[in-house]
């Protein structure tokens, strides 16, 4: 009721309810309307296993999402494991549902996916090729690599395939591409000890190499090859039975991209914890490469790059059984745009 002159006018109940609803919407935080992916109060978290296929500064967004509990906001209780024994082992674990998500370089996994492994790329926060060839002090030019050894983790992985293209391009057929296993820090230690003469590494290993007096001989991005780097993969069962979880994971990853740019020190701290390093030059190198140079803020998987990567795999002898369009699903990343989530996250147009 409200007074009107000397008369009391009764306001219909539905009008009051409509007014209260309008006021609540007006006062509610915009993020609450634009982010339909956050876990609801009291909701039981969904437990999933997510694997990273190496220990790399290129996984800065995954490390930060885990370390800063961003995934937990989206109702995901993530158990993180590292599988360093090769891309095929990672894809097998994904195919058999031992892990529900895999965070790995798309160019490493595409040959296996194209050959029939059960896996789908649902987000690509990094697009590009960060590898550089670091060599011992006496090797200063590309031609100095003739007759020398170039160490990689395993045969068939992305670094191995890149080196095959590199050695052919520069006439280094007598250079030995030597599988030595281990993580990048372990292979770097092998170079320090003289077990190998050089190797392809990703930032922040370049900063460490310069500090140790080693040489950056070549940026493999200059090969001009299609490249999809750090990407989120899942399997058919998870998409079918836990589609909301997949969508929430992609949303959490998008928020992490924003968080990393807005909080460089916290992001570098997450990398420091994962890589077990404290060197500021090393951490800054990682941040510059992966939070700035290669960043893909919309997370959309580039179809052209996937198609070209499939053809590269086919030419390398992979028996391709799937079309490129079957290897990725951009619907989850597209939904972030459609719901206004990205616009709200970035305060307008996505940079």
Protein backbone atom coordinates (compact mmCIF):
# COMPACT_ATOMS: atom_id res chain seq x y z
CA UNK A 1 0.00 0.00 0.00
CA UNK A 2 0.99 3.63 -0.46
CA UNK A 3 -0.58 6.98 0.48
CA UNK A 4 -2.16 9.00 -2.31
CA UNK A 5 -3.43 12.28 -0.90
CA UNK A 6 -5.84 11.29 1.85
CA UNK A 7 -6.49 7.92 0.27
CA UNK A 8 -4.51 4.69 0.64
CA UNK A 9 -4.01 2.95 -2.68
CA UNK A 10 -3.33 -0.76 -2.62
CA UNK A 11 -0.55 -1.81 -4.98
CA UNK A 12 -1.21 -5.27 -6.43
CA UNK A 13 1.07 -7.99 -5.07
CA UNK A 14 2.39 -8.94 -8.50
CA UNK A 15 3.49 -5.35 -9.09
CA UNK A 16 5.47 -5.37 -5.84
CA UNK A 17 7.06 -8.70 -6.77
CA UNK A 18 8.00 -7.41 -10.20
CA UNK A 19 9.51 -4.29 -8.63
CA UNK A 20 11.53 -6.33 -6.11
CA UNK A 21 12.79 -8.62 -8.85
CA UNK A 22 13.81 -5.64 -10.99
CA UNK A 23 15.62 -4.05 -8.07
CA UNK A 24 17.44 -7.29 -7.26
CA UNK A 25 18.60 -7.61 -10.85
CA UNK A 26 19.72 -3.99 -10.88
CA UNK A 27 21.77 -4.39 -7.72
CA UNK A 28 23.13 -7.85 -8.47
CA UNK A 29 26.74 -8.01 -9.64
CA UNK A 30 26.91 -8.20 -13.41
CA UNK A 31 29.37 -11.10 -13.14
CA UNK A 32 26.73 -13.23 -11.49
CA UNK A 33 24.50 -12.80 -14.54
CA UNK A 34 27.34 -13.25 -17.06
CA UNK A 35 28.99 -16.23 -15.42
CA UNK A 36 26.58 -19.15 -15.40
CA UNK A 37 29.42 -21.60 -14.87
CA UNK A 38 30.33 -21.01 -11.23
CA UNK A 39 29.48 -23.75 -8.75
CA UNK A 40 26.28 -23.20 -6.81
CA UNK A 41 26.43 -22.80 -3.01
CA UNK A 42 26.59 -26.22 -1.35
CA UNK A 43 27.19 -28.04 -4.62
CA UNK A 44 29.36 -31.15 -4.32
CA UNK A 45 32.57 -30.72 -6.35
CA UNK A 46 33.19 -33.09 -9.25
CA UNK A 47 36.48 -34.97 -8.89
CA UNK A 48 38.51 -35.33 -12.06
CA UNK A 49 42.07 -36.27 -12.96
CA UNK A 50 44.01 -33.88 -15.16
CA UNK A 51 47.46 -34.71 -16.50
CA UNK A 52 50.16 -32.46 -17.86
CA UNK A 53 52.45 -34.18 -20.35
CA UNK A 54 55.65 -32.47 -19.16
CA UNK A 55 56.99 -29.91 -16.72
CA UNK A 56 57.04 -26.68 -18.67
CA UNK A 57 56.64 -22.95 -18.28
CA UNK A 58 54.20 -23.30 -21.15
CA UNK A 59 51.69 -24.69 -18.69
CA UNK A 60 51.60 -21.45 -16.68
CA UNK A 61 47.80 -21.27 -16.95
CA UNK A 62 47.21 -24.79 -15.71
CA UNK A 63 49.67 -24.36 -12.86
CA UNK A 64 47.98 -21.11 -11.86
CA UNK A 65 44.47 -22.56 -12.10
CA UNK A 66 45.50 -25.34 -9.72
CA UNK A 67 47.63 -23.24 -7.38
CA UNK A 68 45.12 -20.39 -7.07
CA UNK A 69 42.10 -22.72 -6.68
CA UNK A 70 40.37 -21.25 -9.71
CA UNK A 71 39.05 -24.65 -10.78
CA UNK A 72 37.48 -25.08 -7.35
CA UNK A 73 35.30 -22.00 -7.95
CA UNK A 74 33.75 -23.89 -10.83
CA UNK A 75 32.94 -26.99 -8.82
CA UNK A 76 35.95 -28.99 -9.99
CA UNK A 77 38.16 -30.91 -7.57
CA UNK A 78 41.16 -31.54 -9.79
CA UNK A 79 43.78 -34.14 -9.00
CA UNK A 80 46.91 -33.25 -10.98
CA UNK A 81 49.40 -35.78 -12.25
CA UNK A 82 52.37 -35.48 -14.60
CA UNK A 83 52.95 -38.13 -17.28
CA UNK A 84 56.35 -37.57 -18.87
CA UNK A 85 56.74 -40.89 -20.70
CA UNK A 86 55.54 -39.71 -24.10
CA UNK A 87 52.47 -38.37 -25.85
CA UNK A 88 51.14 -41.83 -26.72
CA UNK A 89 51.05 -42.80 -23.04
CA UNK A 90 49.14 -39.62 -22.23
CA UNK A 91 46.61 -40.28 -24.98
CA UNK A 92 46.21 -43.87 -23.84
CA UNK A 93 45.46 -42.69 -20.30
CA UNK A 94 42.89 -40.27 -21.72
CA UNK A 95 41.34 -42.89 -23.99
CA UNK A 96 40.92 -45.36 -21.13
CA UNK A 97 39.49 -42.65 -18.85
CA UNK A 98 42.31 -43.02 -16.32
CA UNK A 99 42.48 -39.26 -16.72
CA UNK A 100 39.56 -37.12 -17.82
CA UNK A 101 41.58 -34.12 -19.01
CA UNK A 102 45.00 -33.72 -20.59
CA UNK A 103 46.91 -30.45 -20.84
CA UNK A 104 49.55 -30.75 -23.53
CA UNK A 105 50.80 -29.15 -26.75
CA UNK A 106 48.16 -29.70 -29.42
CA UNK A 107 50.82 -30.29 -32.07
CA UNK A 108 52.16 -33.16 -29.96
CA UNK A 109 48.80 -34.87 -29.66
CA UNK A 110 47.28 -34.25 -33.10
CA UNK A 111 49.10 -37.14 -34.84
CA UNK A 112 47.78 -39.59 -32.23
CA UNK A 113 44.29 -38.11 -32.33
CA UNK A 114 44.28 -38.23 -36.14
CA UNK A 115 45.36 -41.87 -35.97
CA UNK A 116 42.31 -42.78 -33.92
CA UNK A 117 43.02 -42.08 -30.25
CA UNK A 118 39.97 -41.04 -28.25
CA UNK A 119 40.54 -37.40 -27.47
CA UNK A 120 39.18 -33.98 -28.34
CA UNK A 121 40.84 -30.58 -28.00
CA UNK A 122 38.34 -28.23 -26.34
CA UNK A 123 40.45 -25.12 -25.70
CA UNK A 124 43.77 -23.70 -26.88
CA UNK A 125 45.02 -20.83 -24.72
CA UNK A 126 48.39 -20.79 -26.48
CA UNK A 127 48.84 -20.75 -30.25
CA UNK A 128 52.34 -20.64 -31.68
CA UNK A 129 55.69 -22.41 -31.43
CA UNK A 130 57.93 -21.44 -28.50
CA UNK A 131 60.80 -23.90 -29.03
CA UNK A 132 64.36 -22.62 -29.45
CA UNK A 133 67.51 -24.66 -30.04
CA UNK A 134 70.00 -24.07 -27.25
CA UNK A 135 73.57 -25.26 -27.82
CA UNK A 136 76.81 -25.53 -25.91
CA UNK A 137 79.25 -22.61 -25.91
CA UNK A 138 81.34 -23.83 -28.84
CA UNK A 139 78.28 -24.07 -31.11
CA UNK A 140 77.39 -20.57 -32.25
CA UNK A 141 75.65 -21.01 -35.61
CA UNK A 142 73.27 -23.45 -37.26
CA UNK A 143 76.06 -24.90 -39.38
CA UNK A 144 78.10 -25.58 -36.23
CA UNK A 145 75.52 -28.29 -35.49
CA UNK A 146 76.86 -30.47 -38.32
CA UNK A 147 77.94 -33.80 -36.90
CA UNK A 148 76.68 -32.82 -33.44
CA UNK A 149 73.96 -34.38 -31.28
CA UNK A 150 70.59 -32.78 -30.66
CA UNK A 151 68.79 -34.30 -27.69
CA UNK A 152 65.03 -34.86 -27.51
CA UNK A 153 62.74 -36.64 -25.08
CA UNK A 154 61.43 -39.34 -27.41
CA UNK A 155 61.02 -40.34 -31.04
CA UNK A 156 57.78 -39.17 -32.60
CA UNK A 157 57.04 -36.28 -30.26
CA UNK A 158 56.65 -32.68 -31.42
CA UNK A 159 60.30 -31.67 -30.78
CA UNK A 160 61.49 -34.72 -32.73
CA UNK A 161 59.26 -33.87 -35.69
CA UNK A 162 60.35 -30.23 -35.61
CA UNK A 163 63.99 -31.26 -35.63
CA UNK A 164 63.44 -33.51 -38.64
CA UNK A 165 62.13 -30.48 -40.55
CA UNK A 166 64.90 -28.26 -39.17
CA UNK A 167 67.79 -30.57 -40.10
CA UNK A 168 66.40 -31.13 -43.58
CA UNK A 169 65.92 -27.40 -44.17
CA UNK A 170 69.51 -26.56 -43.25
CA UNK A 171 71.28 -29.62 -44.65
CA UNK A 172 72.15 -31.09 -41.27
CA UNK A 173 71.54 -34.72 -42.22
CA UNK A 174 74.68 -35.77 -40.34
CA UNK A 175 73.44 -34.23 -37.09
CA UNK A 176 72.28 -36.92 -34.66
CA UNK A 177 68.79 -36.46 -33.23
CA UNK A 178 69.23 -38.40 -30.02
CA UNK A 179 66.32 -39.50 -27.78
CA UNK A 180 67.51 -39.19 -24.19
CA UNK A 181 64.20 -39.14 -22.31
CA UNK A 182 63.53 -37.13 -19.21
CA UNK A 183 62.07 -33.68 -18.70
CA UNK A 184 63.47 -30.50 -20.21
CA UNK A 185 65.52 -29.69 -17.07
CA UNK A 186 66.93 -33.22 -17.17
CA UNK A 187 67.86 -32.87 -20.84
CA UNK A 188 69.40 -29.50 -20.11
CA UNK A 189 71.51 -31.14 -17.40
CA UNK A 190 72.61 -33.70 -20.00
CA UNK A 191 73.78 -30.85 -22.22
CA UNK A 192 75.67 -29.24 -19.34
CA UNK A 193 77.41 -32.58 -18.74
CA UNK A 194 78.30 -32.94 -22.43
CA UNK A 195 76.05 -35.96 -23.01
CA UNK A 196 74.36 -34.02 -25.84
CA UNK A 197 75.52 -30.92 -27.69
CA UNK A 198 72.21 -29.14 -28.06
CA UNK A 199 68.47 -29.51 -27.80
CA UNK A 200 65.10 -27.85 -28.39
CA UNK A 201 63.80 -26.13 -25.27
CA UNK A 202 60.93 -23.86 -24.37
CA UNK A 203 61.08 -20.76 -22.17
CA UNK A 204 62.17 -20.35 -19.45
CA UNK A 205 65.07 -22.64 -20.37
CA UNK A 206 66.35 -19.97 -22.76
CA UNK A 207 66.97 -17.59 -19.86
CA UNK A 208 68.88 -20.28 -18.02
CA UNK A 209 70.90 -21.05 -21.13
CA UNK A 210 71.98 -17.45 -21.61
CA UNK A 211 72.98 -17.21 -17.97
CA UNK A 212 75.14 -20.33 -18.37
CA UNK A 213 76.84 -18.92 -21.46
CA UNK A 214 75.07 -21.21 -23.94
CA UNK A 215 73.82 -19.99 -27.30
CA UNK A 216 70.34 -19.65 -28.78
CA UNK A 217 71.00 -21.03 -32.26
CA UNK A 218 67.52 -20.97 -33.79
CA UNK A 219 63.88 -20.14 -33.07
CA UNK A 220 61.85 -23.05 -34.42
CA UNK A 221 58.85 -20.76 -34.89
CA UNK A 222 60.80 -19.39 -37.88
CA UNK A 223 60.18 -22.68 -39.68
CA UNK A 224 56.73 -21.28 -40.45
CA UNK A 225 54.95 -24.48 -39.43
CA UNK A 226 51.37 -24.47 -38.10
CA UNK A 227 51.45 -24.60 -34.35
CA UNK A 228 48.98 -25.19 -31.55
CA UNK A 229 50.71 -25.24 -28.20
CA UNK A 230 49.23 -25.71 -24.73
CA UNK A 231 45.70 -27.08 -25.13
CA UNK A 232 43.03 -28.71 -23.01
CA UNK A 233 41.92 -32.18 -24.13
CA UNK A 234 39.18 -34.45 -22.89
CA UNK A 235 37.65 -37.76 -23.99
CA UNK A 236 34.32 -38.81 -25.48
CA UNK A 237 33.02 -40.24 -22.22
CA UNK A 238 33.60 -37.01 -20.30
CA UNK A 239 31.93 -34.92 -23.00
CA UNK A 240 29.00 -37.32 -23.08
CA UNK A 241 28.52 -37.81 -19.34
CA UNK A 242 30.00 -34.65 -17.81
CA UNK A 243 29.44 -31.97 -20.40
CA UNK A 244 28.84 -29.30 -17.76
CA UNK A 245 32.19 -30.15 -16.16
CA UNK A 246 33.92 -29.70 -19.51
CA UNK A 247 32.21 -26.35 -19.99
CA UNK A 248 33.16 -25.23 -16.49
CA UNK A 249 36.78 -26.32 -17.00
CA UNK A 250 36.99 -24.22 -20.18
CA UNK A 251 35.43 -21.26 -18.34
CA UNK A 252 37.91 -21.65 -15.48
CA UNK A 253 40.76 -21.72 -17.98
CA UNK A 254 39.49 -18.51 -19.57
CA UNK A 255 39.36 -16.85 -16.15
CA UNK A 256 42.88 -18.08 -15.47
CA UNK A 257 44.13 -16.40 -18.66
CA UNK A 258 42.74 -13.14 -17.32
CA UNK A 259 44.10 -13.79 -13.82
CA UNK A 260 47.61 -14.48 -15.13
CA UNK A 261 47.68 -11.20 -17.06
CA UNK A 262 46.29 -9.23 -14.13
CA UNK A 263 48.50 -10.90 -11.49
CA UNK A 264 51.94 -11.56 -12.98
CA UNK A 265 53.66 -12.08 -9.64
CA UNK A 266 51.14 -14.68 -8.48
CA UNK A 267 51.33 -16.44 -11.86
CA UNK A 268 55.11 -16.52 -11.75
CA UNK A 269 54.93 -17.89 -8.20
CA UNK A 270 52.77 -20.76 -9.47
CA UNK A 271 55.33 -21.51 -12.19
CA UNK A 272 58.15 -21.28 -9.65
CA UNK A 273 56.43 -23.88 -7.50
CA UNK A 274 55.83 -26.27 -10.40
CA UNK A 275 59.29 -25.87 -11.94
CA UNK A 276 61.03 -25.57 -8.56
CA UNK A 277 62.95 -22.48 -9.60
CA UNK A 278 63.38 -19.08 -7.99
CA UNK A 279 65.43 -17.27 -10.63
CA UNK A 280 63.54 -14.10 -11.60
CA UNK A 281 65.00 -14.06 -15.13
CA UNK A 282 63.78 -17.58 -15.69
CA UNK A 283 60.31 -16.80 -14.38
CA UNK A 284 60.05 -13.58 -16.38
CA UNK A 285 61.10 -15.39 -19.57
CA UNK A 286 58.31 -17.89 -19.02
CA UNK A 287 55.79 -15.15 -18.33
CA UNK A 288 56.70 -13.10 -21.40
CA UNK A 289 56.45 -16.10 -23.71
CA UNK A 290 53.27 -17.68 -22.44
CA UNK A 291 51.24 -14.90 -20.87
CA UNK A 292 51.87 -12.44 -23.69
CA UNK A 293 53.44 -13.62 -26.95
CA UNK A 294 51.44 -16.77 -27.65
CA UNK A 295 48.24 -16.02 -25.78
CA UNK A 296 44.86 -16.87 -27.33
CA UNK A 297 42.37 -15.25 -24.94
CA UNK A 298 39.22 -16.66 -26.56
CA UNK A 299 40.61 -20.22 -26.33
CA UNK A 300 39.13 -21.11 -29.75
CA UNK A 301 41.04 -23.94 -31.42
CA UNK A 302 42.26 -22.69 -34.85
CA UNK A 303 40.80 -25.03 -37.47
CA UNK A 304 43.34 -24.15 -40.16
CA UNK A 305 46.26 -24.99 -37.89
CA UNK A 306 44.67 -28.32 -36.93
CA UNK A 307 44.14 -29.20 -40.60
CA UNK A 308 47.70 -28.30 -41.50
CA UNK A 309 49.07 -30.23 -38.54
CA UNK A 310 47.14 -33.31 -39.66
CA UNK A 311 48.71 -33.01 -43.10
CA UNK A 312 52.17 -32.65 -41.59
CA UNK A 313 51.52 -35.83 -39.60
CA UNK A 314 50.26 -37.63 -42.71
CA UNK A 315 53.38 -36.65 -44.64
CA UNK A 316 55.50 -37.93 -41.74
CA UNK A 317 53.91 -41.37 -42.09
CA UNK A 318 51.00 -41.22 -39.64
CA UNK A 319 48.06 -43.36 -40.73
CA UNK A 320 45.33 -40.76 -40.50
CA UNK A 321 41.86 -42.18 -39.82
CA UNK A 322 40.01 -39.05 -38.67
CA UNK A 323 39.14 -35.76 -40.29
CA UNK A 324 40.67 -32.64 -38.78
CA UNK A 325 37.19 -31.42 -37.76
CA UNK A 326 36.79 -34.53 -35.57
CA UNK A 327 39.79 -33.63 -33.43
CA UNK A 328 38.45 -30.51 -31.74
CA UNK A 329 35.23 -29.04 -30.39
CA UNK A 330 34.94 -25.27 -30.18
CA UNK A 331 31.39 -25.24 -28.79
CA UNK A 332 32.62 -24.80 -25.21
CA UNK A 333 34.84 -21.83 -26.06
CA UNK A 334 32.11 -20.34 -28.27
CA UNK A 335 29.65 -20.48 -25.35
CA UNK A 336 31.89 -18.16 -23.34
CA UNK A 337 31.34 -15.51 -25.98
CA UNK A 338 27.62 -16.16 -26.40
CA UNK A 339 26.81 -15.90 -22.68
CA UNK A 340 28.69 -12.64 -22.24
CA UNK A 341 31.19 -14.34 -19.93
CA UNK A 342 34.26 -13.09 -21.81
CA UNK A 343 32.90 -9.56 -22.17
CA UNK A 344 32.33 -9.32 -18.45
CA UNK A 345 35.64 -10.97 -17.62
CA UNK A 346 37.64 -8.48 -19.67
CA UNK A 347 35.41 -5.48 -18.97
CA UNK A 348 34.32 -5.13 -22.57
CA UNK A 349 35.93 -6.24 -25.80
CA UNK A 350 38.45 -9.05 -25.40
CA UNK A 351 41.96 -7.67 -26.14
